[in-house]
Amino acid sequence: MTKYEKIKELLYEQAEEDTLSHAYIFESSDLSVAKKLADGLSRKIFSVSDLSQVTDYHLITKDMMKIDTIRKISSEVPIAPYKDKKVYVFEDASEFNIPTQNAFLKTLEEPPEYVIFILIIKNSSLLLDTIRSRCIKVFFDEEVAVVCEREDISTLVRKLFDILIEKDRLKMIDFIDEIKAKKEDASDIISEIMDTARNIILAKESIKLLPDANKQNRYIHDIVGKFGYYELLSVIDIAEVAWKKLDANANFNMTVETMLFNMMEANK
């Protein structure tokens, strides 16, 4: 089964069980692949073959990605759907400028339970951190899956979350040295930290993780009750700040130390 088929199977199952999250980022180098799944998932949600007849389905095309459109959506969202759900699909979220994203964030922060947003984009780093942290990110590219399957990185990240649970400062100091020794993998490690935090949030919402034998999934279910939403969102935000600093060639050692100690402070 390909990664696309796994994602499709998972989301379709969640649609049937009514356990979908309120917001997703579909990230792919091929927007047509993400758009295909967004269309299929929307048809699954509404149990129809033709979305053009569904009043509560809204496709936001590139030319519609303006602040006036977002304001219109914000005013419509509180109005109850005709049946059970409202779905908004943004076919290329890279068209969001900063003012438009800020306007959208107000709607994204506390949406009604019947609303589902799907943001399709090639590179989610173009979106504000505050938007990304409130969405479940779904990667479609196979090369991303390979990174996530590296057992050494998964083991290292599990160790970090164990330290955050234990709140052991001495163990964190030792852990910092381990991270420094893997400088060449820093980007992959930070990405895995963010993905793990997001998956814990997903598990807290009782959404089934990908049905594979990945140890990380079982680990997440074991620790899901150890973190609150605030702590997990803080971990994501702190990791993204560190990622941007490293991308801007900030001092590696200082950036890593600050990131990890800030995570510990956020999880007191």
Protein backbone atom coordinates (compact mmCIF):
# COMPACT_ATOMS: atom_id res chain seq x y z
CA MET A 1 0.00 0.00 0.00
CA THR A 2 1.41 3.39 -1.00
CA LYS A 3 1.59 6.34 1.38
CA TYR A 4 -1.25 8.05 -0.51
CA GLU A 5 -3.45 4.97 -0.12
CA LYS A 6 -2.66 4.76 3.61
CA ILE A 7 -3.60 8.41 4.11
CA LYS A 8 -6.77 7.97 2.05
CA GLU A 9 -7.79 4.88 4.01
CA LEU A 10 -7.20 6.63 7.34
CA LEU A 11 -9.09 9.81 6.48
CA TYR A 12 -12.00 7.95 4.88
CA GLU A 13 -12.31 5.80 7.98
CA GLN A 14 -12.31 8.91 10.18
CA ALA A 15 -14.99 10.45 7.96
CA GLU A 16 -17.17 7.38 8.48
CA GLU A 17 -16.58 7.49 12.25
CA ASP A 18 -17.08 11.28 12.38
CA THR A 19 -13.66 11.73 14.01
CA LEU A 20 -12.02 14.07 11.50
CA SER A 21 -10.12 17.05 12.90
CA HIS A 22 -11.34 20.58 12.18
CA ALA A 23 -8.30 21.61 10.10
CA TYR A 24 -5.75 19.91 7.84
CA ILE A 25 -2.75 20.95 5.78
CA PHE A 26 -2.30 18.70 2.74
CA GLU A 27 1.34 19.25 1.76
CA SER A 28 2.64 17.84 -1.51
CA SER A 29 5.05 18.78 -4.28
CA ASP A 30 2.19 17.82 -6.62
CA LEU A 31 -0.87 19.87 -5.71
CA SER A 32 -3.09 17.77 -7.97
CA VAL A 33 -2.47 14.72 -5.74
CA ALA A 34 -3.54 16.60 -2.61
CA LYS A 35 -6.49 18.15 -4.45
CA LYS A 36 -7.62 14.69 -5.60
CA LEU A 37 -7.77 13.43 -2.02
CA ALA A 38 -9.44 16.61 -0.76
CA ASP A 39 -12.16 16.13 -3.39
CA GLY A 40 -12.58 12.46 -2.57
CA LEU A 41 -12.67 13.08 1.16
CA SER A 42 -15.26 15.82 0.70
CA ARG A 43 -17.47 13.47 -1.32
CA LYS A 44 -17.05 10.88 1.42
CA ILE A 45 -18.04 13.40 4.12
CA PHE A 46 -21.20 14.42 2.27
CA SER A 47 -21.92 10.94 0.82
CA VAL A 48 -22.28 12.31 -2.71
CA SER A 49 -20.63 11.83 -6.09
CA ASP A 50 -21.14 15.42 -7.26
CA LEU A 51 -19.93 18.21 -4.96
CA SER A 52 -21.41 20.91 -7.17
CA GLN A 53 -24.80 20.12 -5.65
CA VAL A 54 -23.60 20.45 -2.04
CA THR A 55 -24.41 23.83 -0.47
CA ASP A 56 -21.99 23.36 2.43
CA TYR A 57 -18.96 22.47 0.27
CA HIS A 58 -16.75 25.43 -0.65
CA LEU A 59 -13.73 25.30 -2.96
CA ILE A 60 -11.56 28.41 -2.56
CA THR A 61 -9.64 28.79 -5.82
CA LYS A 62 -6.42 30.79 -6.31
CA ASP A 63 -8.22 33.87 -7.59
CA MET A 64 -10.47 33.85 -4.53
CA MET A 65 -7.62 33.91 -1.98
CA LYS A 66 -8.26 37.42 -0.76
CA ILE A 67 -9.00 38.94 2.62
CA ASP A 68 -12.59 39.70 1.56
CA THR A 69 -13.11 35.98 0.91
CA ILE A 70 -11.79 35.11 4.37
CA ARG A 71 -14.04 37.70 5.98
CA LYS A 72 -16.99 36.23 4.12
CA ILE A 73 -16.06 32.73 5.33
CA SER A 74 -15.71 34.02 8.89
CA SER A 75 -19.22 35.41 8.76
CA GLU A 76 -20.63 32.18 7.29
CA VAL A 77 -18.90 29.67 9.57
CA PRO A 78 -21.12 30.29 12.64
CA ILE A 79 -24.23 29.57 10.57
CA ALA A 80 -25.23 25.92 11.05
CA PRO A 81 -24.82 23.65 8.00
CA TYR A 82 -27.75 22.39 5.96
CA LYS A 83 -26.99 18.86 7.16
CA ASP A 84 -24.02 17.86 9.34
CA LYS A 85 -20.81 19.45 8.02
CA LYS A 86 -19.29 22.44 6.31
CA VAL A 87 -16.10 21.87 4.31
CA TYR A 88 -13.77 24.56 2.98
CA VAL A 89 -10.98 23.46 0.62
CA PHE A 90 -8.26 25.99 -0.27
CA GLU A 91 -6.73 24.73 -3.50
CA ASP A 92 -3.41 26.60 -3.09
CA ALA A 93 -2.81 28.11 0.34
CA SER A 94 0.48 29.63 -0.82
CA GLU A 95 -1.70 32.44 -2.17
CA PHE A 96 -2.46 33.49 1.42
CA ASN A 97 -0.67 36.74 2.23
CA ILE A 98 0.08 37.66 5.86
CA PRO A 99 -2.97 39.91 6.45
CA THR A 100 -5.23 37.23 4.97
CA GLN A 101 -3.64 34.54 7.15
CA ASN A 102 -4.13 36.68 10.24
CA ALA A 103 -7.77 37.16 9.34
CA PHE A 104 -8.17 33.42 8.79
CA LEU A 105 -6.48 32.61 12.11
CA LYS A 106 -9.36 34.16 14.04
CA THR A 107 -11.73 31.67 12.43
CA LEU A 108 -9.32 28.77 12.76
CA GLU A 109 -8.72 29.22 16.50
CA GLU A 110 -12.24 28.34 17.67
CA PRO A 111 -14.25 26.86 14.80
CA PRO A 112 -17.62 25.15 15.33
CA GLU A 113 -17.38 21.36 15.54
CA TYR A 114 -19.12 20.95 12.18
CA VAL A 115 -16.49 22.85 10.16
CA ILE A 116 -13.55 21.22 8.34
CA PHE A 117 -10.80 23.26 6.65
CA ILE A 118 -8.36 21.68 4.17
CA LEU A 119 -5.39 23.81 3.11
CA ILE A 120 -3.50 22.47 0.08
CA ILE A 121 0.06 23.70 -0.33
CA LYS A 122 3.47 22.70 -1.68
CA ASN A 123 5.44 24.13 1.24
CA SER A 124 3.68 24.67 4.56
CA SER A 125 6.53 26.85 5.85
CA LEU A 126 4.87 29.66 3.85
CA LEU A 127 2.07 29.64 6.42
CA LEU A 128 2.20 31.35 9.80
CA ASP A 129 3.41 29.20 12.69
CA THR A 130 0.13 29.87 14.47
CA ILE A 131 -1.83 28.44 11.55
CA ARG A 132 0.37 25.35 11.16
CA SER A 133 0.20 24.56 14.87
CA ARG A 134 -3.60 24.42 14.70
CA CYS A 135 -3.76 22.03 11.76
CA ILE A 136 -3.03 18.35 11.30
CA LYS A 137 -0.29 18.23 8.66
CA VAL A 138 -0.50 15.44 6.10
CA PHE A 139 2.57 14.79 3.90
CA PHE A 140 2.05 13.05 0.58
CA ASP A 141 5.61 12.87 -0.74
CA GLU A 142 7.28 9.50 -0.31
CA GLU A 143 10.66 11.06 0.52
CA VAL A 144 9.13 12.57 3.65
CA ALA A 145 7.96 9.13 4.74
CA VAL A 146 11.52 7.84 4.52
CA VAL A 147 12.72 10.51 6.95
CA CYS A 148 9.99 9.59 9.44
CA GLU A 149 10.96 5.93 9.26
CA ARG A 150 14.52 6.48 10.52
CA GLU A 151 14.59 4.52 13.74
CA ASP A 152 17.57 6.42 15.18
CA ILE A 153 15.73 9.73 14.91
CA SER A 154 12.47 8.27 16.23
CA THR A 155 14.32 6.80 19.22
CA LEU A 156 16.03 10.12 19.94
CA VAL A 157 12.75 12.03 19.78
CA ARG A 158 11.00 9.51 22.05
CA LYS A 159 13.82 10.06 24.53
CA LEU A 160 13.16 13.82 24.43
CA PHE A 161 9.46 13.38 25.18
CA ASP A 162 10.32 11.03 28.05
CA ILE A 163 12.58 13.72 29.51
CA LEU A 164 9.81 16.31 29.14
CA ILE A 165 7.47 13.97 31.04
CA GLU A 166 10.04 13.38 33.79
CA LYS A 167 11.02 17.08 33.87
CA ASP A 168 14.60 15.98 34.58
CA ARG A 169 16.97 18.88 33.94
CA LEU A 170 20.12 16.77 34.29
CA LYS A 171 18.89 14.30 31.68
CA MET A 172 18.08 17.22 29.41
CA ILE A 173 21.65 18.50 29.69
CA ASP A 174 22.94 15.07 28.62
CA PHE A 175 20.35 14.96 25.85
CA ILE A 176 21.55 18.32 24.49
CA ASP A 177 24.98 16.77 23.96
CA GLU A 178 23.37 13.93 22.01
CA ILE A 179 21.60 16.39 19.72
CA LYS A 180 24.79 18.38 19.19
CA ALA A 181 26.48 15.19 18.02
CA LYS A 182 23.82 14.85 15.31
CA LYS A 183 24.14 18.30 13.83
CA GLU A 184 23.80 16.97 10.29
CA ASP A 185 20.38 15.52 11.18
CA ALA A 186 19.10 18.60 13.04
CA SER A 187 16.43 19.47 10.46
CA ASP A 188 15.05 15.90 10.44
CA ILE A 189 15.09 15.73 14.24
CA ILE A 190 13.19 19.00 14.64
CA SER A 191 10.70 17.91 11.99
CA GLU A 192 10.14 14.64 13.86
CA ILE A 193 9.66 16.53 17.15
CA MET A 194 6.91 18.63 15.57
CA ASP A 195 5.28 15.63 13.90
CA THR A 196 5.31 13.69 17.18
CA ALA A 197 3.70 16.57 19.07
CA ARG A 198 1.03 16.90 16.37
CA ASN A 199 0.36 13.16 16.45
CA ILE A 200 -0.08 13.29 20.23
CA ILE A 201 -2.64 16.07 19.72
CA LEU A 202 -4.30 13.91 17.07
CA ALA A 203 -4.35 10.94 19.48
CA LYS A 204 -5.78 13.13 22.27
CA GLU A 205 -8.68 13.85 19.95
CA SER A 206 -9.24 10.08 19.70
CA ILE A 207 -8.29 9.96 16.03
CA LYS A 208 -6.78 6.67 14.97
CA LEU A 209 -3.19 6.89 13.77
CA LEU A 210 -1.97 5.28 10.57
CA PRO A 211 -2.60 1.53 10.90
CA ASP A 212 0.97 0.28 10.63
CA ALA A 213 3.48 -1.35 12.94
CA ASN A 214 5.46 1.82 13.57
CA LYS A 215 6.70 1.85 17.17
CA GLN A 216 6.25 5.61 17.32
CA ASN A 217 2.48 5.19 17.06
CA ARG A 218 2.32 2.80 19.99
CA TYR A 219 4.60 5.07 21.97
CA ILE A 220 2.30 8.03 21.31
CA HIS A 221 -0.70 6.15 22.62
CA ASP A 222 1.28 5.28 25.75
CA ILE A 223 2.09 8.92 26.58
CA VAL A 224 -0.98 10.70 25.24
CA GLY A 225 -2.27 11.50 28.73
CA LYS A 226 1.03 12.99 29.88
CA PHE A 227 0.71 16.24 27.91
CA GLY A 228 -1.90 18.99 27.68
CA TYR A 229 -2.77 20.84 24.49
CA TYR A 230 -0.93 23.99 25.61
CA GLU A 231 2.29 22.08 26.24
CA LEU A 232 2.12 20.33 22.87
CA LEU A 233 1.39 23.52 20.93
CA SER A 234 4.28 25.17 22.77
CA VAL A 235 6.63 22.35 21.73
CA ILE A 236 5.58 22.84 18.10
CA ASP A 237 5.99 26.62 18.23
CA ILE A 238 9.39 26.40 19.94
CA ALA A 239 10.63 23.81 17.43
CA GLU A 240 9.50 25.91 14.47
CA VAL A 241 11.32 28.97 15.85
CA ALA A 242 14.51 26.90 16.18
CA TRP A 243 14.07 25.52 12.65
CA LYS A 244 13.84 29.03 11.21
CA LYS A 245 16.89 30.20 13.18
CA LEU A 246 18.98 27.27 11.94
CA ASP A 247 17.78 27.91 8.40
CA ALA A 248 19.03 31.48 8.83
CA ASN A 249 22.45 30.13 9.93
CA ALA A 250 22.07 30.96 13.62
CA ASN A 251 24.57 29.44 16.07
CA PHE A 252 23.71 25.74 16.19
CA ASN A 253 24.66 24.96 19.80
CA MET A 254 22.91 28.00 21.24
CA THR A 255 19.78 27.44 19.15
CA VAL A 256 19.49 23.79 20.22
CA GLU A 257 20.09 24.57 23.90
CA THR A 258 17.50 27.36 23.86
CA MET A 259 14.95 25.17 22.06
CA LEU A 260 15.25 22.25 24.48
CA PHE A 261 15.29 24.28 27.68
CA ASN A 262 12.30 26.33 26.44
CA MET A 263 10.44 23.07 25.82
CA MET A 264 11.19 21.99 29.36
CA GLU A 265 9.98 25.33 30.74
CA ALA A 266 6.76 25.04 28.73
CA ASN A 267 6.11 21.58 30.20
CA LYS A 268 6.41 22.43 33.90
